[in-house]
C-alpha atoms as a PDB file:
ATOM      1  CA  MET A   1       0.000   0.000   0.000  1.00  0.00           C
ATOM      2  CA  ASN A   2       1.450   3.369  -1.063  1.00  0.00           C
ATOM      3  CA  PHE A   3       0.794   5.669   1.888  1.00  0.00           C
ATOM      4  CA  LEU A   4       2.393   8.653   0.123  1.00  0.00           C
ATOM      5  CA  ALA A   5      -0.064   8.262  -2.752  1.00  0.00           C
ATOM      6  CA  ILE A   6      -2.955   8.081  -0.265  1.00  0.00           C
ATOM      7  CA  LEU A   7      -1.730  11.209   1.548  1.00  0.00           C
ATOM      8  CA  GLY A   8      -1.420  13.049  -1.753  1.00  0.00           C
ATOM      9  CA  ALA A   9      -4.904  11.952  -2.751  1.00  0.00           C
ATOM     10  CA  MET A  10      -6.251  13.101   0.620  1.00  0.00           C
ATOM     11  CA  HIS A  11      -4.684  16.536   0.130  1.00  0.00           C
ATOM     12  CA  GLY A  12      -6.496  16.915  -3.172  1.00  0.00           C
ATOM     13  CA  ALA A  13      -9.681  15.499  -1.649  1.00  0.00           C
ATOM     14  CA  VAL A  14      -9.686  18.084   1.154  1.00  0.00           C
ATOM     15  CA  ALA A  15      -9.190  20.889  -1.374  1.00  0.00           C
ATOM     16  CA  GLN A  16     -12.050  19.660  -3.558  1.00  0.00           C
ATOM     17  CA  GLY A  17     -14.191  18.918  -0.508  1.00  0.00           C
ATOM     18  CA  VAL A  18     -14.002  22.556   0.582  1.00  0.00           C
ATOM     19  CA  LEU A  19     -15.138  23.798  -2.845  1.00  0.00           C
ATOM     20  CA  TRP A  20     -17.944  21.235  -3.015  1.00  0.00           C
ATOM     21  CA  GLY A  21     -18.823  22.222   0.543  1.00  0.00           C
ATOM     22  CA  ILE A  22     -20.224  25.494  -0.812  1.00  0.00           C
ATOM     23  CA  MET A  23     -22.616  23.395  -2.887  1.00  0.00           C
ATOM     24  CA  THR A  24     -23.481  21.426   0.246  1.00  0.00           C
ATOM     25  CA  LEU A  25     -24.398  24.664   2.024  1.00  0.00           C
ATOM     26  CA  GLY A  26     -26.837  25.389  -0.781  1.00  0.00           C
ATOM     27  CA  VAL A  27     -28.381  21.922  -0.590  1.00  0.00           C
ATOM     28  CA  TYR A  28     -28.596  22.234   3.216  1.00  0.00           C
ATOM     29  CA  LEU A  29     -30.530  25.478   2.852  1.00  0.00           C
ATOM     30  CA  THR A  30     -33.350  23.781   0.932  1.00  0.00           C
ATOM     31  CA  PHE A  31     -33.154  20.228   2.273  1.00  0.00           C
ATOM     32  CA  ARG A  32     -32.855  20.953   5.992  1.00  0.00           C
ATOM     33  CA  ILE A  33     -34.013  24.549   6.493  1.00  0.00           C
ATOM     34  CA  LEU A  34     -36.841  24.771   3.931  1.00  0.00           C
ATOM     35  CA  ASN A  35     -37.572  21.029   3.991  1.00  0.00           C
ATOM     36  CA  ILE A  36     -37.583  20.918   0.165  1.00  0.00           C
ATOM     37  CA  ALA A  37     -35.813  18.274  -1.917  1.00  0.00           C
ATOM     38  CA  ASP A  38     -34.671  20.565  -4.729  1.00  0.00           C
ATOM     39  CA  MET A  39     -33.477  18.659  -7.802  1.00  0.00           C
ATOM     40  CA  THR A  40     -32.452  21.854  -9.588  1.00  0.00           C
ATOM     41  CA  CYS A  41     -28.966  21.613  -8.099  1.00  0.00           C
ATOM     42  CA  ASP A  42     -27.715  19.095 -10.679  1.00  0.00           C
ATOM     43  CA  GLY A  43     -28.404  21.668 -13.377  1.00  0.00           C
ATOM     44  CA  SER A  44     -27.457  24.821 -11.443  1.00  0.00           C
ATOM     45  CA  PHE A  45     -24.051  23.393 -10.468  1.00  0.00           C
ATOM     46  CA  ALA A  46     -23.231  22.814 -14.141  1.00  0.00           C
ATOM     47  CA  LEU A  47     -24.808  26.206 -14.929  1.00  0.00           C
ATOM     48  CA  GLY A  48     -22.289  27.910 -12.659  1.00  0.00           C
ATOM     49  CA  GLY A  49     -19.404  26.015 -14.217  1.00  0.00           C
ATOM     50  CA  ALA A  50     -20.601  26.663 -17.774  1.00  0.00           C
ATOM     51  CA  THR A  51     -21.201  30.374 -17.175  1.00  0.00           C
ATOM     52  CA  CYS A  52     -17.882  30.878 -15.416  1.00  0.00           C
ATOM     53  CA  ALA A  53     -15.857  28.945 -18.005  1.00  0.00           C
ATOM     54  CA  THR A  54     -17.488  30.822 -20.885  1.00  0.00           C
ATOM     55  CA  LEU A  55     -16.903  34.248 -19.333  1.00  0.00           C
ATOM     56  CA  ILE A  56     -13.298  33.539 -18.352  1.00  0.00           C
ATOM     57  CA  SER A  57     -12.477  32.125 -21.784  1.00  0.00           C
ATOM     58  CA  LYS A  58     -13.668  35.446 -23.240  1.00  0.00           C
ATOM     59  CA  GLY A  59     -11.334  37.434 -20.988  1.00  0.00           C
ATOM     60  CA  MET A  60     -13.519  38.362 -18.015  1.00  0.00           C
ATOM     61  CA  ASN A  61     -12.033  38.729 -14.545  1.00  0.00           C
ATOM     62  CA  PRO A  62     -12.396  35.313 -12.810  1.00  0.00           C
ATOM     63  CA  LEU A  63     -13.773  36.833  -9.586  1.00  0.00           C
ATOM     64  CA  LEU A  64     -16.413  38.771 -11.502  1.00  0.00           C
ATOM     65  CA  ALA A  65     -17.259  35.563 -13.383  1.00  0.00           C
ATOM     66  CA  ILE A  66     -17.932  33.851 -10.034  1.00  0.00           C
ATOM     67  CA  VAL A  67     -20.269  36.669  -8.978  1.00  0.00           C
ATOM     68  CA  ILE A  68     -22.180  36.466 -12.266  1.00  0.00           C
ATOM     69  CA  SER A  69     -22.373  32.661 -11.911  1.00  0.00           C
ATOM     70  CA  PHE A  70     -23.966  33.156  -8.498  1.00  0.00           C
ATOM     71  CA  MET A  71     -26.516  35.573  -9.975  1.00  0.00           C
ATOM     72  CA  VAL A  72     -27.350  33.203 -12.833  1.00  0.00           C
ATOM     73  CA  GLY A  73     -27.815  30.407 -10.283  1.00  0.00           C
ATOM     74  CA  THR A  74     -30.322  32.534  -8.359  1.00  0.00           C
ATOM     75  CA  ILE A  75     -32.342  32.892 -11.575  1.00  0.00           C
ATOM     76  CA  ALA A  76     -32.456  29.090 -11.905  1.00  0.00           C
ATOM     77  CA  GLY A  77     -33.705  28.858  -8.321  1.00  0.00           C
ATOM     78  CA  LEU A  78     -36.267  31.593  -8.996  1.00  0.00           C
ATOM     79  CA  ILE A  79     -37.689  29.671 -11.962  1.00  0.00           C
ATOM     80  CA  THR A  80     -38.030  26.507  -9.880  1.00  0.00           C
ATOM     81  CA  GLY A  81     -39.630  28.501  -7.093  1.00  0.00           C
ATOM     82  CA  LEU A  82     -42.138  30.149  -9.417  1.00  0.00           C
ATOM     83  CA  MET A  83     -43.155  26.796 -10.881  1.00  0.00           C
ATOM     84  CA  HIS A  84     -43.695  25.449  -7.365  1.00  0.00           C
ATOM     85  CA  THR A  85     -45.357  28.441  -5.699  1.00  0.00           C
ATOM     86  CA  LYS A  86     -47.299  30.043  -8.561  1.00  0.00           C
ATOM     87  CA  LEU A  87     -48.031  27.131 -10.905  1.00  0.00           C
ATOM     88  CA  LYS A  88     -48.488  24.714  -7.964  1.00  0.00           C
ATOM     89  CA  ILE A  89     -46.151  22.134  -9.500  1.00  0.00           C
ATOM     90  CA  HIS A  90     -44.776  19.696  -6.914  1.00  0.00           C
ATOM     91  CA  GLU A  91     -41.383  20.814  -5.629  1.00  0.00           C
ATOM     92  CA  ILE A  92     -39.558  17.673  -6.788  1.00  0.00           C
ATOM     93  CA  LEU A  93     -41.113  17.783 -10.258  1.00  0.00           C
ATOM     94  CA  ALA A  94     -40.400  21.517 -10.559  1.00  0.00           C
ATOM     95  CA  GLY A  95     -36.745  20.854  -9.739  1.00  0.00           C
ATOM     96  CA  ILE A  96     -36.538  18.001 -12.240  1.00  0.00           C
ATOM     97  CA  LEU A  97     -38.050  20.183 -14.972  1.00  0.00           C
ATOM     98  CA  SER A  98     -35.518  22.942 -14.264  1.00  0.00           C
ATOM     99  CA  MET A  99     -32.668  20.433 -14.199  1.00  0.00           C
ATOM    100  CA  ILE A 100     -33.666  19.006 -17.587  1.00  0.00           C
ATOM    101  CA  ALA A 101     -34.058  22.468 -19.125  1.00  0.00           C
ATOM    102  CA  LEU A 102     -30.692  23.616 -17.749  1.00  0.00           C
ATOM    103  CA  TYR A 103     -28.874  20.842 -19.620  1.00  0.00           C
ATOM    104  CA  SER A 104     -29.837  22.444 -22.941  1.00  0.00           C
ATOM    105  CA  ILE A 105     -29.304  25.953 -21.586  1.00  0.00           C
ATOM    106  CA  ASN A 106     -25.774  25.069 -20.410  1.00  0.00           C
ATOM    107  CA  ILE A 107     -24.852  23.807 -23.873  1.00  0.00           C
ATOM    108  CA  ARG A 108     -26.296  27.003 -25.345  1.00  0.00           C
ATOM    109  CA  ILE A 109     -24.165  29.082 -22.983  1.00  0.00           C
ATOM    110  CA  MET A 110     -20.940  27.236 -23.816  1.00  0.00           C
ATOM    111  CA  GLY A 111     -21.720  26.568 -27.462  1.00  0.00           C
ATOM    112  CA  ARG A 112     -20.422  23.030 -26.966  1.00  0.00           C
ATOM    113  CA  SER A 113     -20.308  20.394 -24.262  1.00  0.00           C
ATOM    114  CA  ASN A 114     -16.909  21.348 -22.812  1.00  0.00           C
ATOM    115  CA  ILE A 115     -14.750  24.478 -22.479  1.00  0.00           C
ATOM    116  CA  PRO A 116     -11.100  23.972 -21.405  1.00  0.00           C
ATOM    117  CA  LEU A 117      -9.417  26.669 -19.331  1.00  0.00           C
ATOM    118  CA  LEU A 118      -5.816  25.668 -20.015  1.00  0.00           C
ATOM    119  CA  GLY A 119      -3.590  28.739 -20.197  1.00  0.00           C
ATOM    120  CA  VAL A 120      -6.444  30.967 -19.013  1.00  0.00           C
ATOM    121  CA  LYS A 121      -6.071  32.976 -15.820  1.00  0.00           C
ATOM    122  CA  THR A 122      -8.340  31.794 -12.993  1.00  0.00           C
ATOM    123  CA  VAL A 123      -8.445  32.602  -9.282  1.00  0.00           C
ATOM    124  CA  VAL A 124      -6.657  29.301  -8.644  1.00  0.00           C
ATOM    125  CA  SER A 125      -3.908  29.778 -11.222  1.00  0.00           C
ATOM    126  CA  ASN A 126      -3.381  33.412 -10.150  1.00  0.00           C
ATOM    127  CA  LEU A 127      -2.818  32.403  -6.515  1.00  0.00           C
ATOM    128  CA  LYS A 128      -0.712  29.416  -7.579  1.00  0.00           C
ATOM    129  CA  ASP A 129       1.611  31.544  -9.724  1.00  0.00           C
ATOM    130  CA  LYS A 130       1.826  34.437  -7.265  1.00  0.00           C
ATOM    131  CA  PHE A 131       2.902  32.348  -4.258  1.00  0.00           C
ATOM    132  CA  ASN A 132       4.408  29.367  -6.123  1.00  0.00           C
ATOM    133  CA  LEU A 133       1.854  26.911  -4.708  1.00  0.00           C
ATOM    134  CA  SER A 134       0.518  23.606  -5.952  1.00  0.00           C
ATOM    135  CA  ILE A 135      -2.932  23.460  -7.529  1.00  0.00           C
ATOM    136  CA  ASN A 136      -4.335  21.643  -4.486  1.00  0.00           C
ATOM    137  CA  SER A 137      -2.862  24.154  -2.015  1.00  0.00           C
ATOM    138  CA  ALA A 138      -4.158  27.128  -3.992  1.00  0.00           C
ATOM    139  CA  THR A 139      -7.588  25.485  -4.297  1.00  0.00           C
ATOM    140  CA  LEU A 140      -7.682  24.795  -0.556  1.00  0.00           C
ATOM    141  CA  ILE A 141      -6.784  28.373   0.389  1.00  0.00           C
ATOM    142  CA  ILE A 142      -9.373  29.875  -1.958  1.00  0.00           C
ATOM    143  CA  GLY A 143     -12.005  27.394  -0.796  1.00  0.00           C
ATOM    144  CA  ILE A 144     -11.384  28.189   2.875  1.00  0.00           C
ATOM    145  CA  ILE A 145     -11.619  31.938   2.226  1.00  0.00           C
ATOM    146  CA  PHE A 146     -14.919  31.573   0.367  1.00  0.00           C
ATOM    147  CA  CYS A 147     -16.319  29.185   2.992  1.00  0.00           C
ATOM    148  CA  ILE A 148     -15.477  31.520   5.882  1.00  0.00           C
ATOM    149  CA  VAL A 149     -17.132  34.469   4.157  1.00  0.00           C
ATOM    150  CA  LEU A 150     -20.219  32.439   3.203  1.00  0.00           C
ATOM    151  CA  VAL A 151     -20.676  30.870   6.650  1.00  0.00           C
ATOM    152  CA  ILE A 152     -20.495  34.315   8.270  1.00  0.00           C
ATOM    153  CA  ALA A 153     -22.932  35.725   5.683  1.00  0.00           C
ATOM    154  CA  LEU A 154     -25.421  32.850   6.093  1.00  0.00           C
ATOM    155  CA  TYR A 155     -25.193  33.006   9.891  1.00  0.00           C
ATOM    156  CA  TRP A 156     -25.902  36.736   9.796  1.00  0.00           C
ATOM    157  CA  PHE A 157     -28.713  36.383   7.240  1.00  0.00           C
ATOM    158  CA  CYS A 158     -30.497  33.618   9.161  1.00  0.00           C
ATOM    159  CA  GLY A 159     -30.473  35.867  12.225  1.00  0.00           C
ATOM    160  CA  THR A 160     -32.334  38.639  10.419  1.00  0.00           C
ATOM    161  CA  GLU A 161     -36.127  38.909  10.320  1.00  0.00           C
ATOM    162  CA  ILE A 162     -36.297  37.471   6.793  1.00  0.00           C
ATOM    163  CA  GLY A 163     -33.859  34.697   7.685  1.00  0.00           C
ATOM    164  CA  SER A 164     -35.849  33.791  10.780  1.00  0.00           C
ATOM    165  CA  MET A 165     -39.044  33.640   8.718  1.00  0.00           C
ATOM    166  CA  LEU A 166     -37.234  31.464   6.192  1.00  0.00           C
ATOM    167  CA  ARG A 167     -36.240  28.969   8.875  1.00  0.00           C
ATOM    168  CA  ALA A 168     -39.706  29.080  10.413  1.00  0.00           C
ATOM    169  CA  THR A 169     -41.278  28.338   7.022  1.00  0.00           C
ATOM    170  CA  GLY A 170     -39.372  25.077   6.870  1.00  0.00           C
ATOM    171  CA  ASN A 171     -40.349  24.163  10.429  1.00  0.00           C
ATOM    172  CA  ASN A 172     -44.061  24.947  10.210  1.00  0.00           C
ATOM    173  CA  GLU A 173     -45.378  26.645   7.105  1.00  0.00           C
ATOM    174  CA  HIS A 174     -48.964  26.875   8.406  1.00  0.00           C
ATOM    175  CA  VAL A 175     -47.990  28.768  11.564  1.00  0.00           C
ATOM    176  CA  VAL A 176     -45.894  31.246   9.570  1.00  0.00           C
ATOM    177  CA  ARG A 177     -48.783  31.822   7.181  1.00  0.00           C
ATOM    178  CA  ALA A 178     -51.122  32.352  10.141  1.00  0.00           C
ATOM    179  CA  MET A 179     -48.756  35.074  11.379  1.00  0.00           C
ATOM    180  CA  GLY A 180     -49.323  36.951   8.122  1.00  0.00           C
ATOM    181  CA  ALA A 181     -45.998  36.146   6.454  1.00  0.00           C
ATOM    182  CA  ASP A 182     -45.772  35.248   2.754  1.00  0.00           C
ATOM    183  CA  THR A 183     -44.394  31.693   2.773  1.00  0.00           C
ATOM    184  CA  ASP A 184     -44.208  31.603  -1.023  1.00  0.00           C
ATOM    185  CA  LYS A 185     -41.834  34.563  -0.903  1.00  0.00           C
ATOM    186  CA  MET A 186     -39.713  32.793   1.694  1.00  0.00           C
ATOM    187  CA  LYS A 187     -39.492  29.709  -0.505  1.00  0.00           C
ATOM    188  CA  LEU A 188     -38.455  31.826  -3.482  1.00  0.00           C
ATOM    189  CA  ILE A 189     -35.719  33.529  -1.461  1.00  0.00           C
ATOM    190  CA  GLY A 190     -34.462  30.203  -0.107  1.00  0.00           C
ATOM    191  CA  LEU A 191     -34.375  28.526  -3.522  1.00  0.00           C
ATOM    192  CA  MET A 192     -32.620  31.528  -5.074  1.00  0.00           C
ATOM    193  CA  ILE A 193     -29.891  31.685  -2.428  1.00  0.00           C
ATOM    194  CA  SER A 194     -29.486  27.902  -2.479  1.00  0.00           C
ATOM    195  CA  ASN A 195     -29.018  27.625  -6.234  1.00  0.00           C
ATOM    196  CA  GLY A 196     -26.831  30.723  -6.249  1.00  0.00           C
ATOM    197  CA  LEU A 197     -24.445  29.020  -3.811  1.00  0.00           C
ATOM    198  CA  ILE A 198     -24.553  25.805  -5.831  1.00  0.00           C
ATOM    199  CA  ALA A 199     -23.730  27.692  -9.039  1.00  0.00           C
ATOM    200  CA  MET A 200     -20.900  29.504  -7.243  1.00  0.00           C
ATOM    201  CA  SER A 201     -19.500  26.149  -6.175  1.00  0.00           C
ATOM    202  CA  GLY A 202     -19.702  24.954  -9.783  1.00  0.00           C
ATOM    203  CA  ALA A 203     -17.831  28.077 -10.921  1.00  0.00           C
ATOM    204  CA  LEU A 204     -15.033  27.502  -8.387  1.00  0.00           C
ATOM    205  CA  VAL A 205     -14.777  23.793  -9.238  1.00  0.00           C
ATOM    206  CA  ALA A 206     -14.543  24.650 -12.939  1.00  0.00           C
ATOM    207  CA  GLN A 207     -11.692  27.055 -12.256  1.00  0.00           C
ATOM    208  CA  SER A 208      -9.963  24.493 -10.056  1.00  0.00           C
ATOM    209  CA  GLN A 209     -10.219  21.535 -12.449  1.00  0.00           C
ATOM    210  CA  GLY A 210      -9.469  23.665 -15.502  1.00  0.00           C
ATOM    211  CA  TYR A 211     -12.615  23.174 -17.554  1.00  0.00           C
ATOM    212  CA  GLY A 212     -16.356  23.601 -17.591  1.00  0.00           C
ATOM    213  CA  ASP A 213     -18.455  20.646 -18.680  1.00  0.00           C
ATOM    214  CA  VAL A 214     -22.157  20.184 -19.281  1.00  0.00           C
ATOM    215  CA  GLY A 215     -22.176  16.971 -17.245  1.00  0.00           C
ATOM    216  CA  MET A 216     -20.195  18.207 -14.238  1.00  0.00           C
ATOM    217  CA  GLY A 217     -23.334  18.518 -12.117  1.00  0.00           C
ATOM    218  CA  THR A 218     -24.503  14.923 -12.507  1.00  0.00           C
ATOM    219  CA  GLY A 219     -25.251  13.422  -9.094  1.00  0.00           C
ATOM    220  CA  THR A 220     -24.806  16.722  -7.248  1.00  0.00           C
ATOM    221  CA  ILE A 221     -27.931  16.216  -5.136  1.00  0.00           C
ATOM    222  CA  VAL A 222     -26.703  12.813  -3.925  1.00  0.00           C
ATOM    223  CA  VAL A 223     -23.245  14.167  -3.096  1.00  0.00           C
ATOM    224  CA  GLY A 224     -24.813  17.079  -1.226  1.00  0.00           C
ATOM    225  CA  LEU A 225     -27.127  14.853   0.794  1.00  0.00           C
ATOM    226  CA  ALA A 226     -24.291  12.436   1.591  1.00  0.00           C
ATOM    227  CA  SER A 227     -22.133  15.322   2.823  1.00  0.00           C
ATOM    228  CA  ILE A 228     -24.933  16.778   4.954  1.00  0.00           C
ATOM    229  CA  ILE A 229     -25.717  13.444   6.566  1.00  0.00           C
ATOM    230  CA  LEU A 230     -22.048  12.647   7.209  1.00  0.00           C
ATOM    231  CA  GLY A 231     -21.538  16.058   8.798  1.00  0.00           C
ATOM    232  CA  GLU A 232     -24.589  15.664  11.006  1.00  0.00           C
ATOM    233  CA  VAL A 233     -23.758  12.117  12.066  1.00  0.00           C
ATOM    234  CA  ILE A 234     -20.044  12.649  12.731  1.00  0.00           C
ATOM    235  CA  PHE A 235     -19.961  16.178  14.131  1.00  0.00           C
ATOM    236  CA  GLY A 236     -23.522  16.274  15.424  1.00  0.00           C
ATOM    237  CA  ALA A 237     -22.512  13.672  17.989  1.00  0.00           C
ATOM    238  CA  LEU A 238     -20.612  16.401  19.864  1.00  0.00           C
ATOM    239  CA  GLY A 239     -23.838  17.766  21.262  1.00  0.00           C
ATOM    240  CA  LYS A 240     -27.601  17.424  20.942  1.00  0.00           C
ATOM    241  CA  LYS A 241     -28.223  21.141  20.531  1.00  0.00           C
ATOM    242  CA  MET A 242     -25.616  22.641  18.254  1.00  0.00           C
ATOM    243  CA  PRO A 243     -25.465  26.374  17.522  1.00  0.00           C
ATOM    244  CA  PHE A 244     -26.399  27.246  13.964  1.00  0.00           C
ATOM    245  CA  TRP A 245     -22.890  28.390  13.041  1.00  0.00           C
ATOM    246  CA  PHE A 246     -21.503  25.009  14.111  1.00  0.00           C
ATOM    247  CA  THR A 247     -24.157  23.245  12.033  1.00  0.00           C
ATOM    248  CA  LEU A 248     -23.010  25.177   8.954  1.00  0.00           C
ATOM    249  CA  ILE A 249     -19.386  24.242   9.633  1.00  0.00           C
ATOM    250  CA  SER A 250     -20.309  20.590  10.185  1.00  0.00           C
ATOM    251  CA  VAL A 251     -21.975  20.560   6.767  1.00  0.00           C
ATOM    252  CA  LEU A 252     -18.753  21.824   5.190  1.00  0.00           C
ATOM    253  CA  LEU A 253     -16.687  19.269   7.088  1.00  0.00           C
ATOM    254  CA  GLY A 254     -19.093  16.548   5.955  1.00  0.00           C
ATOM    255  CA  SER A 255     -18.235  17.438   2.353  1.00  0.00           C
ATOM    256  CA  VAL A 256     -14.531  17.131   3.146  1.00  0.00           C
ATOM    257  CA  VAL A 257     -15.038  13.771   4.871  1.00  0.00           C
ATOM    258  CA  TYR A 258     -17.013  12.500   1.874  1.00  0.00           C
ATOM    259  CA  ARG A 259     -14.218  13.462  -0.533  1.00  0.00           C
ATOM    260  CA  ILE A 260     -11.587  11.865   1.706  1.00  0.00           C
ATOM    261  CA  ILE A 261     -13.543   8.597   1.799  1.00  0.00           C
ATOM    262  CA  ILE A 262     -13.849   8.610  -1.992  1.00  0.00           C
ATOM    263  CA  ALA A 263     -10.132   9.377  -2.458  1.00  0.00           C
ATOM    264  CA  VAL A 264      -8.990   6.643  -0.060  1.00  0.00           C
ATOM    265  CA  VAL A 265     -11.171   3.891  -1.520  1.00  0.00           C
ATOM    266  CA  LEU A 266     -10.040   4.813  -5.034  1.00  0.00           C
ATOM    267  CA  GLN A 267      -6.421   4.486  -3.922  1.00  0.00           C
ATOM    268  CA  LEU A 268      -7.278   1.100  -2.422  1.00  0.00           C
ATOM    269  CA  GLY A 269      -8.352  -0.156  -5.840  1.00  0.00           C
ATOM    270  CA  LEU A 270     -12.057   0.663  -6.217  1.00  0.00           C
ATOM    271  CA  LYS A 271     -13.066   1.411  -9.807  1.00  0.00           C
ATOM    272  CA  SER A 272     -14.290   4.914 -10.574  1.00  0.00           C
ATOM    273  CA  THR A 273     -17.426   3.384 -12.112  1.00  0.00           C
ATOM    274  CA  ASP A 274     -18.395   2.144  -8.645  1.00  0.00           C
ATOM    275  CA  LEU A 275     -18.432   5.609  -7.063  1.00  0.00           C
ATOM    276  CA  LYS A 276     -22.203   6.034  -7.316  1.00  0.00           C
ATOM    277  CA  LEU A 277     -22.691   2.674  -5.600  1.00  0.00           C
ATOM    278  CA  LEU A 278     -20.252   3.731  -2.883  1.00  0.00           C
ATOM    279  CA  THR A 279     -22.090   7.038  -2.429  1.00  0.00           C
ATOM    280  CA  ALA A 280     -25.388   5.184  -1.990  1.00  0.00           C
ATOM    281  CA  VAL A 281     -23.795   2.872   0.586  1.00  0.00           C
ATOM    282  CA  ILE A 282     -22.320   5.840   2.489  1.00  0.00           C
ATOM    283  CA  VAL A 283     -25.713   7.569   2.637  1.00  0.00           C
ATOM    284  CA  VAL A 284     -27.464   4.395   3.816  1.00  0.00           C
ATOM    285  CA  LEU A 285     -24.839   3.775   6.519  1.00  0.00           C
ATOM    286  CA  ALA A 286     -24.919   7.384   7.685  1.00  0.00           C
ATOM    287  CA  LEU A 287     -28.713   7.346   7.874  1.00  0.00           C
ATOM    288  CA  SER A 288     -28.728   4.068   9.767  1.00  0.00           C
ATOM    289  CA  ILE A 289     -26.286   5.179  12.481  1.00  0.00           C
ATOM    290  CA  PRO A 290     -28.839   7.263  14.470  1.00  0.00           C
ATOM    291  CA  VAL A 291     -31.347   4.388  14.253  1.00  0.00           C
ATOM    292  CA  ILE A 292     -28.724   1.902  15.486  1.00  0.00           C
ATOM    293  CA  LYS A 293     -27.722   4.230  18.337  1.00  0.00           C
ATOM    294  CA  LYS A 294     -31.344   4.645  19.388  1.00  0.00           C
ATOM    295  CA  HIS A 295     -31.899   0.892  19.281  1.00  0.00           C
ATOM    296  CA  VAL A 296     -28.763   0.206  21.366  1.00  0.00           C
ATOM    297  CA  ALA A 297     -29.731   2.873  23.925  1.00  0.00           C
ATOM    298  CA  HIS A 298     -33.231   1.415  24.173  1.00  0.00           C
ATOM    299  CA  ARG A 299     -31.861  -2.073  24.780  1.00  0.00           C
ATOM    300  CA  ARG A 300     -29.486  -0.800  27.470  1.00  0.00           C
ATOM    301  CA  LYS A 301     -32.391   0.847  29.290  1.00  0.00           C
ATOM    302  CA  ALA A 302     -34.436  -2.330  29.023  1.00  0.00           C
ATOM    303  CA  MET A 303     -31.689  -4.601  30.393  1.00  0.00           C
ATOM    304  CA  PRO A 304     -31.850  -3.430  34.070  1.00  0.00           C
ATOM    305  CA  GLU A 305     -35.646  -3.701  34.001  1.00  0.00           C
ATOM    306  CA  ALA A 306     -35.375  -7.299  32.757  1.00  0.00           C
ATOM    307  CA  LYS A 307     -33.130  -8.150  35.664  1.00  0.00           C
END
């Protein structure tokens, strides 16, 4: 077993995990806070990568391209939200329809299925060249900076009146509506921010890997859910009532853990074609851990009574 190869793979996995963690924050916003399983993310992740790659290849500043990718992602979330809230299309179906439409839109944006960024200045290559870093180190630094800013921004936003209403909408929509708040508006805001973050993640991943591809978002929803569950199971065990800022960080760390697991098993000989199977197994195991813990605790309580 080549431990140096595994360590090198883990370094790259941590760097990618941080970038994908931004996507996980977006999925967490809809899946856990709004209680909506939004399928748009598969398309909006690729939308961010396609938009960013196209703009950079035409000479735009890479940071500005990331901002525009975020804005384009919010439009994708808005469309899904309008289909769900105004046309009364089921949330899952609305997301699937947006995801399907975005595949064609992404090809329209790029003009082809793939845009390479070799020799083009990106935020990663600029930092790499300026400080003589490796690609993985530059990616990790940029990812950490973005994650810190986004966690602070989300923590602040969720503490505002609108953010509190957004969280309350996911907990009990009927009570919020009875208080006179517009729950449809809250859903639209949540879906827009969520898909904006997902598109931003896609833009950063495209700059890190050196190309934008129409299929780069395939399976994003599964990866996001796996990361959220891993973060909650592993880091949620530190306390029953975690502060919201710690929950956001645990979601990011869950993404890193997921990437490390994938990198290690690939180094151990697993075929890349088996990754989707592995992801499904990871999600099932992570979901089963709380059930197993509850069952064990129940049996321990029952044992003294049996005696």
